[in-house]
Amino acid sequence: MLHTIKSFTAHKINKAEQKSGRVWGRESFDRLIRSESDLREKFEYITRNPWNAGIARPGEDYSWVWYPTKEASRPATETSTPAACAPQIISLETLVEYIDWSPFFHVWELRGRYPAIFDDPEIGKQARELFDDAQELLDQIIAKNLLTARGLFAFWPANSLGDDVDLYVDERRSQKLAAFHFLRQQMQKPAGQFNHCLADYIAPQPNPQSAIRNPKSEDYLGGFAVTIHGADELAKKFSAEHDDYNAILTKALADRLAEAFAEYLHKEARIAWGFGREENLSNVDLIREKYRGIRPAAGYPACPDHAEKRTLFDLLNAEKNADITLTESFAMHPGASVSGLYFSHPDSKYFGVGQIARDQVIDYAARTGETIAPVEKRLAPNLGYDPPAAG
């Protein structure tokens, strides 16, 4: 059947183009469509190919095409645009109640969940002593204002275009502001399951030729950056006094405070978005992520390319507003910093992209406007193939 379709369409294309020769490749990519998600994924893959080849323009040459429905992240009952927050300096005392202490013990190779770790017959006593020391130092830091927490978040009108998410200058969505580029899982899964991409959690671009406003296409993406200033300086002071223990303790506490700030700001963002106003979650609930939405970070499993931080930092003007800088390798300074994106779709969840094939790397490089080599270098841990040797 596929051979018949290829033969028929190749004849028509050659006739229309007044050409001869092969139109289609010898190989085919046959897949069963088992669900709405499968249909949407394959539709976007097929639609994107002419754009990548430069023979069609996104949003312009498909004016009347049917598009599978993808729900927007915000319920139809929420009509207000989420408001961004101004750059904030938050008191450390406010952040203490948002601290997840379990990873703090992991720094010291003590494995267990807080507070149950204190009852561990082997490491409980050591964990308790470490925790008490941390509390004493934390009290000093707060009382003397030795560290400073700075951060901000923002929202932008957004729509997905294939595996990208385009951001717009304003609600008219006529002028593109920036784009985030994401990767899709490429793995064999059981029937009924599909390969995830973060762009799936943002509503697709509406038909630009349609005069009918569709509220379900009016979606948003959020972004944030937070940091704890002063930890490096305080740690150096302890080191100069030959107090390496408190130097390490300082950096461990700064990391916990930065993560607590990210948790606090995400809560504020959900309130600003509207759907978080009725939340009544404990700190344990927050740690276990029992809220709606996710906040994936560039460089982590769902978005493994650290380079996407550059786009986020430019949008937030994070260097000026939070005094966080990026190195050439996209590491954040100060080290006790956290940044990422806010997705509000009720079905959004964390996942790992995993191993990807070269066809997606080529597509990704085209979308980011780069050559393949630097992309392969950044995504080396995710490559499911050996890239060609340089030379």
Protein backbone atom coordinates (compact mmCIF):
# COMPACT_ATOMS: atom_id res chain seq x y z
CA MET A 1 0.00 0.00 0.00
CA LEU A 2 2.79 2.41 0.93
CA HIS A 3 4.58 1.58 -2.33
CA THR A 4 1.43 2.46 -4.26
CA ILE A 5 1.08 5.79 -2.47
CA LYS A 6 4.72 6.67 -3.10
CA SER A 7 4.51 5.72 -6.76
CA PHE A 8 1.32 7.70 -7.36
CA THR A 9 2.45 10.84 -5.53
CA ALA A 10 5.94 10.74 -7.08
CA HIS A 11 4.38 10.73 -10.55
CA LYS A 12 2.14 13.69 -9.67
CA ILE A 13 4.98 15.67 -8.07
CA ASN A 14 7.34 15.14 -11.02
CA LYS A 15 4.60 16.15 -13.42
CA ALA A 16 3.81 19.32 -11.47
CA GLU A 17 7.49 20.22 -11.09
CA GLN A 18 8.30 19.18 -14.68
CA LYS A 19 11.04 16.94 -13.37
CA SER A 20 11.93 13.27 -13.44
CA GLY A 21 13.66 10.86 -11.10
CA ARG A 22 13.24 9.66 -7.55
CA VAL A 23 11.09 11.68 -5.15
CA TRP A 24 10.85 9.41 -2.12
CA GLY A 25 13.63 7.62 -0.26
CA ARG A 26 13.85 3.84 -0.39
CA GLU A 27 13.17 3.46 3.33
CA SER A 28 9.88 3.96 5.11
CA PHE A 29 8.97 4.73 8.70
CA ASP A 30 5.89 2.66 9.38
CA ARG A 31 4.19 3.09 12.75
CA LEU A 32 0.83 2.07 14.16
CA ILE A 33 -1.27 4.94 15.50
CA ARG A 34 -2.59 3.65 18.80
CA SER A 35 -3.69 6.82 20.56
CA GLU A 36 -4.40 10.53 20.22
CA SER A 37 -0.89 11.21 21.49
CA ASP A 38 0.61 8.95 18.80
CA LEU A 39 -1.41 10.78 16.16
CA ARG A 40 -0.25 14.19 17.37
CA GLU A 41 3.39 13.12 17.55
CA LYS A 42 3.47 11.67 14.03
CA PHE A 43 1.49 14.61 12.65
CA GLU A 44 4.01 17.09 14.03
CA TYR A 45 6.92 15.01 12.72
CA ILE A 46 5.48 14.96 9.19
CA THR A 47 4.48 18.63 9.28
CA ARG A 48 7.92 19.74 10.43
CA ASN A 49 9.85 17.99 7.63
CA PRO A 50 9.05 20.55 4.88
CA TRP A 51 9.94 23.37 7.31
CA ASN A 52 13.29 21.77 8.09
CA ALA A 53 13.96 21.33 4.38
CA GLY A 54 13.24 25.01 3.76
CA ILE A 55 10.41 24.40 1.28
CA ALA A 56 7.62 25.63 3.55
CA ARG A 57 7.27 28.36 6.14
CA PRO A 58 5.97 27.55 9.64
CA GLY A 59 2.47 28.90 10.17
CA GLU A 60 2.18 30.29 6.64
CA ASP A 61 2.02 27.48 4.11
CA TYR A 62 -0.34 25.27 6.14
CA SER A 63 -3.16 27.77 6.45
CA TRP A 64 -6.01 25.31 6.10
CA VAL A 65 -4.48 22.16 7.49
CA TRP A 66 -6.37 20.22 10.15
CA TYR A 67 -4.44 20.04 13.43
CA PRO A 68 -4.93 17.50 16.23
CA THR A 69 -6.29 19.15 19.37
CA LYS A 70 -3.93 19.71 22.27
CA GLU A 71 -5.34 21.31 25.39
CA ALA A 72 -3.82 24.51 26.70
CA SER A 73 -2.10 24.51 30.06
CA ARG A 74 -4.62 26.80 31.71
CA PRO A 75 -8.22 25.71 32.34
CA ALA A 76 -10.83 27.68 30.43
CA THR A 77 -12.12 29.09 33.74
CA GLU A 78 -8.86 31.00 34.25
CA THR A 79 -8.95 33.99 31.96
CA SER A 80 -6.47 36.37 33.57
CA THR A 81 -2.92 36.60 32.31
CA PRO A 82 -0.46 35.38 34.96
CA ALA A 83 1.54 38.26 36.37
CA ALA A 84 5.33 38.21 36.63
CA CYS A 85 7.02 39.19 39.85
CA ALA A 86 9.60 41.92 40.25
CA PRO A 87 13.13 40.90 41.29
CA GLN A 88 12.98 39.88 44.93
CA ILE A 89 15.31 39.76 47.92
CA ILE A 90 13.75 37.24 50.29
CA SER A 91 14.61 36.87 53.96
CA LEU A 92 16.39 33.62 54.73
CA GLU A 93 14.04 33.12 57.65
CA THR A 94 11.16 32.82 55.16
CA LEU A 95 13.00 30.13 53.22
CA VAL A 96 13.88 27.89 56.17
CA GLU A 97 10.46 26.24 56.27
CA TYR A 98 10.84 25.25 52.59
CA ILE A 99 14.15 23.42 53.05
CA ASP A 100 14.31 19.78 52.01
CA TRP A 101 16.90 18.45 54.45
CA SER A 102 17.34 14.95 53.01
CA PRO A 103 19.86 15.95 50.27
CA PHE A 104 21.85 17.87 52.91
CA PHE A 105 22.86 14.59 54.54
CA HIS A 106 23.82 13.10 51.17
CA VAL A 107 26.64 15.67 50.94
CA TRP A 108 28.18 13.89 53.91
CA GLU A 109 27.53 10.40 52.47
CA LEU A 110 24.73 9.80 54.95
CA ARG A 111 21.87 8.14 53.09
CA GLY A 112 18.39 8.46 54.49
CA ARG A 113 15.28 10.60 54.52
CA TYR A 114 14.84 13.44 56.97
CA PRO A 115 13.73 13.15 59.79
CA ALA A 116 13.66 9.34 59.80
CA ILE A 117 17.44 9.33 59.36
CA PHE A 118 17.82 10.28 63.04
CA ASP A 119 16.40 6.88 64.03
CA ASP A 120 18.86 4.92 61.91
CA PRO A 121 20.82 2.62 64.27
CA GLU A 122 24.07 3.09 62.34
CA ILE A 123 24.13 6.73 61.24
CA GLY A 124 21.36 8.33 63.30
CA LYS A 125 23.65 9.78 65.98
CA GLN A 126 26.06 11.24 63.41
CA ALA A 127 23.16 12.68 61.41
CA ARG A 128 21.71 14.35 64.51
CA GLU A 129 25.05 15.95 65.43
CA LEU A 130 25.51 17.20 61.87
CA PHE A 131 22.00 18.61 61.80
CA ASP A 132 22.49 20.41 65.13
CA ASP A 133 25.72 21.98 63.84
CA ALA A 134 23.91 23.08 60.69
CA GLN A 135 21.12 24.67 62.73
CA GLU A 136 23.63 26.58 64.84
CA LEU A 137 25.43 27.94 61.78
CA LEU A 138 22.14 28.70 60.02
CA ASP A 139 20.98 30.72 63.03
CA GLN A 140 24.20 32.76 62.85
CA ILE A 141 23.82 33.31 59.12
CA ILE A 142 20.26 34.58 59.55
CA ALA A 143 21.01 36.73 62.60
CA LYS A 144 24.02 38.41 60.98
CA ASN A 145 22.65 38.54 57.40
CA LEU A 146 25.70 36.68 56.13
CA LEU A 147 23.91 35.39 53.02
CA THR A 148 21.43 37.05 50.65
CA ALA A 149 18.68 35.40 48.60
CA ARG A 150 17.83 37.03 45.26
CA GLY A 151 15.55 35.83 42.49
CA LEU A 152 12.64 36.43 40.15
CA PHE A 153 10.15 34.73 37.86
CA ALA A 154 8.20 35.77 34.78
CA PHE A 155 5.55 34.48 32.37
CA TRP A 156 5.32 34.83 28.61
CA PRO A 157 2.51 34.10 26.12
CA ALA A 158 3.58 30.85 24.48
CA ASN A 159 2.62 28.19 21.95
CA SER A 160 4.34 25.05 20.80
CA LEU A 161 5.54 24.52 17.26
CA GLY A 162 6.59 20.91 16.87
CA ASP A 163 9.17 20.28 19.59
CA ASP A 164 9.86 24.00 20.13
CA VAL A 165 7.99 26.51 22.27
CA ASP A 166 7.71 30.01 20.85
CA LEU A 167 7.31 32.98 23.21
CA TYR A 168 5.62 36.22 22.19
CA VAL A 169 6.09 39.88 23.04
CA ASP A 170 2.47 40.36 24.13
CA GLU A 171 -1.01 38.83 24.16
CA ARG A 172 -1.55 39.51 20.47
CA ARG A 173 1.01 36.75 19.78
CA SER A 174 1.99 38.36 16.50
CA GLN A 175 5.62 39.14 17.34
CA LYS A 176 7.97 36.36 18.40
CA LEU A 177 10.15 37.12 21.42
CA ALA A 178 12.24 33.95 21.75
CA ALA A 179 12.04 30.17 21.49
CA PHE A 180 12.99 27.22 23.65
CA HIS A 181 14.14 24.09 21.86
CA PHE A 182 13.38 20.69 23.34
CA LEU A 183 14.15 17.05 22.60
CA ARG A 184 11.79 14.11 22.36
CA GLN A 185 12.30 10.63 23.72
CA GLN A 186 13.19 8.04 21.08
CA MET A 187 12.61 4.69 22.68
CA GLN A 188 10.45 1.66 22.18
CA LYS A 189 7.45 1.76 24.50
CA PRO A 190 4.44 -0.48 25.11
CA ALA A 191 1.24 0.11 23.17
CA GLY A 192 -0.63 3.18 24.37
CA GLN A 193 2.47 5.01 25.60
CA PHE A 194 4.19 7.76 23.64
CA ASN A 195 7.58 9.45 23.65
CA HIS A 196 7.53 12.63 25.72
CA CYS A 197 8.76 16.12 24.91
CA LEU A 198 8.32 19.21 27.09
CA ALA A 199 6.67 21.01 24.17
CA ASP A 200 3.75 18.59 24.53
CA TYR A 201 2.68 20.50 27.65
CA ILE A 202 2.16 23.80 25.79
CA ALA A 203 -0.81 24.38 23.47
CA PRO A 204 0.08 24.46 19.74
CA GLN A 205 0.07 27.57 17.62
CA PRO A 206 -3.41 28.44 16.35
CA ASN A 207 -4.22 28.69 12.66
CA PRO A 208 -2.93 32.17 11.69
CA GLN A 209 -5.61 32.47 8.99
CA SER A 210 -8.48 31.86 11.37
CA ALA A 211 -10.55 34.86 12.43
CA ILE A 212 -11.99 32.90 15.36
CA ARG A 213 -10.25 33.33 18.70
CA ASN A 214 -9.61 30.01 20.44
CA PRO A 215 -9.04 30.45 24.21
CA LYS A 216 -7.55 26.95 24.40
CA SER A 217 -4.57 28.12 22.33
CA GLU A 218 -3.75 30.99 24.71
CA ASP A 219 -1.05 29.30 26.72
CA TYR A 220 1.87 30.53 28.84
CA LEU A 221 5.35 29.44 29.86
CA GLY A 222 7.06 30.62 33.03
CA GLY A 223 10.72 30.93 33.92
CA PHE A 224 12.71 31.65 37.08
CA ALA A 225 16.19 32.13 38.49
CA VAL A 226 17.19 32.22 42.16
CA THR A 227 20.50 32.40 43.98
CA ILE A 228 22.17 32.68 47.37
CA HIS A 229 24.90 35.32 47.48
CA GLY A 230 27.78 35.33 49.94
CA ALA A 231 28.39 31.60 50.43
CA ASP A 232 31.74 31.54 48.62
CA GLU A 233 33.01 34.50 50.62
CA LEU A 234 31.86 33.04 53.94
CA ALA A 235 33.34 29.63 53.09
CA LYS A 236 36.68 31.27 52.21
CA LYS A 237 36.64 33.06 55.56
CA PHE A 238 36.20 29.75 57.38
CA SER A 239 38.92 28.13 55.27
CA ALA A 240 41.31 30.97 56.09
CA GLU A 241 40.67 30.17 59.75
CA HIS A 242 41.45 26.48 59.03
CA ASP A 243 37.81 25.60 59.67
CA ASP A 244 37.10 23.39 56.67
CA TYR A 245 34.12 21.78 58.40
CA ASN A 246 32.15 25.03 58.57
CA ALA A 247 33.33 25.98 55.08
CA ILE A 248 31.73 22.82 53.67
CA LEU A 249 28.72 23.29 55.94
CA THR A 250 28.23 26.82 54.58
CA LYS A 251 28.13 25.67 50.96
CA ALA A 252 25.81 22.78 51.80
CA LEU A 253 23.42 25.16 53.56
CA ALA A 254 23.57 27.63 50.66
CA ASP A 255 22.58 24.86 48.24
CA ARG A 256 19.63 23.91 50.46
CA LEU A 257 18.53 27.55 50.72
CA ALA A 258 18.71 27.98 46.94
CA GLU A 259 16.50 24.91 46.42
CA ALA A 260 14.16 26.20 49.14
CA PHE A 261 13.97 29.54 47.32
CA ALA A 262 13.07 27.70 44.10
CA GLU A 263 10.30 25.87 45.96
CA TYR A 264 9.02 29.09 47.54
CA LEU A 265 9.04 30.99 44.25
CA HIS A 266 7.28 28.15 42.42
CA LYS A 267 4.50 28.35 44.99
CA GLU A 268 4.25 32.11 44.40
CA ALA A 269 4.16 31.49 40.64
CA ARG A 270 1.28 29.01 40.96
CA ILE A 271 -0.63 31.58 43.00
CA ALA A 272 0.05 34.24 40.35
CA TRP A 273 -1.07 31.78 37.67
CA GLY A 274 -4.38 31.35 39.46
CA PHE A 275 -4.66 27.62 40.00
CA GLY A 276 -2.43 27.66 43.09
CA ARG A 277 -4.59 30.00 45.13
CA GLU A 278 -6.49 27.18 46.79
CA GLU A 279 -3.41 25.09 47.61
CA ASN A 280 -3.01 23.98 51.19
CA LEU A 281 0.16 21.90 51.04
CA SER A 282 2.60 21.08 53.81
CA ASN A 283 6.37 21.19 53.32
CA VAL A 284 6.31 17.40 52.93
CA ASP A 285 3.67 17.78 50.20
CA LEU A 286 5.83 20.34 48.40
CA ILE A 287 8.92 18.12 48.60
CA ARG A 288 6.88 15.25 47.17
CA GLU A 289 5.63 17.58 44.40
CA LYS A 290 1.93 17.14 45.12
CA TYR A 291 1.11 20.32 43.26
CA ARG A 292 0.11 20.96 39.68
CA GLY A 293 2.88 21.62 37.18
CA ILE A 294 6.63 21.08 36.93
CA ARG A 295 9.78 23.23 36.87
CA PRO A 296 12.39 21.41 34.74
CA ALA A 297 15.87 22.90 34.47
CA ALA A 298 18.19 23.02 31.48
CA GLY A 299 20.84 20.33 31.82
CA TYR A 300 18.51 17.90 33.57
CA PRO A 301 16.94 14.73 32.07
CA ALA A 302 13.87 16.31 30.44
CA CYS A 303 15.91 19.16 28.92
CA PRO A 304 19.52 17.95 28.72
CA ASP A 305 20.95 20.89 26.74
CA HIS A 306 22.52 23.40 29.15
CA ALA A 307 22.60 26.00 26.35
CA GLU A 308 18.88 26.69 26.83
CA LYS A 309 19.86 28.57 30.01
CA ARG A 310 21.18 31.38 27.83
CA THR A 311 17.73 32.06 26.41
CA LEU A 312 16.17 31.98 29.88
CA PHE A 313 18.80 34.31 31.35
CA ASP A 314 18.36 36.79 28.51
CA LEU A 315 14.58 36.81 28.98
CA LEU A 316 14.84 37.32 32.74
CA ASN A 317 17.85 39.63 32.49
CA ALA A 318 19.13 37.45 35.32
CA GLU A 319 22.59 39.01 35.39
CA LYS A 320 21.11 42.38 36.31
CA ASN A 321 18.02 41.34 38.24
CA ALA A 322 19.53 38.54 40.36
CA ASP A 323 23.28 39.01 39.83
CA ILE A 324 23.66 35.47 38.46
CA THR A 325 26.11 34.92 35.61
CA LEU A 326 26.68 32.06 33.18
CA THR A 327 30.08 30.68 32.28
CA GLU A 328 31.01 29.65 28.73
CA SER A 329 29.89 26.12 29.62
CA PHE A 330 26.57 27.49 30.99
CA ALA A 331 27.37 26.84 34.65
CA MET A 332 25.71 29.33 37.00
CA HIS A 333 27.63 31.58 39.38
CA PRO A 334 27.19 31.78 42.36
CA GLY A 335 27.17 28.01 42.56
CA ALA A 336 24.16 28.02 44.89
CA SER A 337 21.79 28.98 42.09
CA VAL A 338 18.74 27.34 40.52
CA SER A 339 16.93 28.22 37.30
CA GLY A 340 14.30 26.60 35.15
CA LEU A 341 10.92 26.78 33.43
CA TYR A 342 7.37 26.59 34.76
CA PHE A 343 4.87 24.32 33.00
CA SER A 344 1.33 24.34 34.36
CA HIS A 345 -0.39 21.62 32.34
CA PRO A 346 -2.25 19.28 34.74
CA ASP A 347 -0.68 16.24 33.06
CA SER A 348 2.87 17.59 32.97
CA LYS A 349 5.46 15.36 34.61
CA TYR A 350 9.21 14.87 34.81
CA PHE A 351 10.88 12.39 32.48
CA GLY A 352 14.25 11.63 30.96
CA VAL A 353 14.87 12.12 27.24
CA GLY A 354 17.37 9.26 27.27
CA GLN A 355 19.26 8.14 24.17
CA ILE A 356 18.48 9.94 20.91
CA ALA A 357 19.32 9.12 17.30
CA ARG A 358 21.26 11.24 14.83
CA ASP A 359 18.15 12.20 12.86
CA GLN A 360 16.84 14.10 15.88
CA VAL A 361 20.23 15.71 16.52
CA ILE A 362 20.26 16.98 12.92
CA ASP A 363 16.73 18.31 13.37
CA TYR A 364 17.63 19.91 16.71
CA ALA A 365 20.72 21.60 15.26
CA ALA A 366 18.59 23.01 12.44
CA ARG A 367 16.09 24.38 14.95
CA THR A 368 18.79 26.00 17.10
CA GLY A 369 20.60 27.36 14.04
CA GLU A 370 23.85 25.52 14.74
CA THR A 371 26.11 23.04 13.05
CA ILE A 372 25.85 19.46 14.27
CA ALA A 373 29.27 19.18 15.95
CA PRO A 374 28.70 21.57 18.91
CA VAL A 375 25.25 20.09 19.50
CA GLU A 376 26.70 16.57 19.58
CA LYS A 377 29.34 17.76 22.04
CA ARG A 378 26.76 19.22 24.43
CA LEU A 379 24.44 16.24 24.12
CA ALA A 380 27.18 13.58 24.26
CA PRO A 381 25.63 11.69 27.23
CA ASN A 382 22.35 11.37 25.29
CA LEU A 383 23.71 10.24 21.93
CA GLY A 384 22.60 6.78 20.92
CA TYR A 385 25.37 6.59 18.33
CA ASP A 386 29.06 7.37 17.93
CA PRO A 387 29.49 10.79 16.26
CA PRO A 388 31.97 11.03 13.38
CA ALA A 389 35.53 11.77 14.47
CA ALA A 390 36.62 15.37 13.99
CA GLY A 391 39.14 15.92 11.27
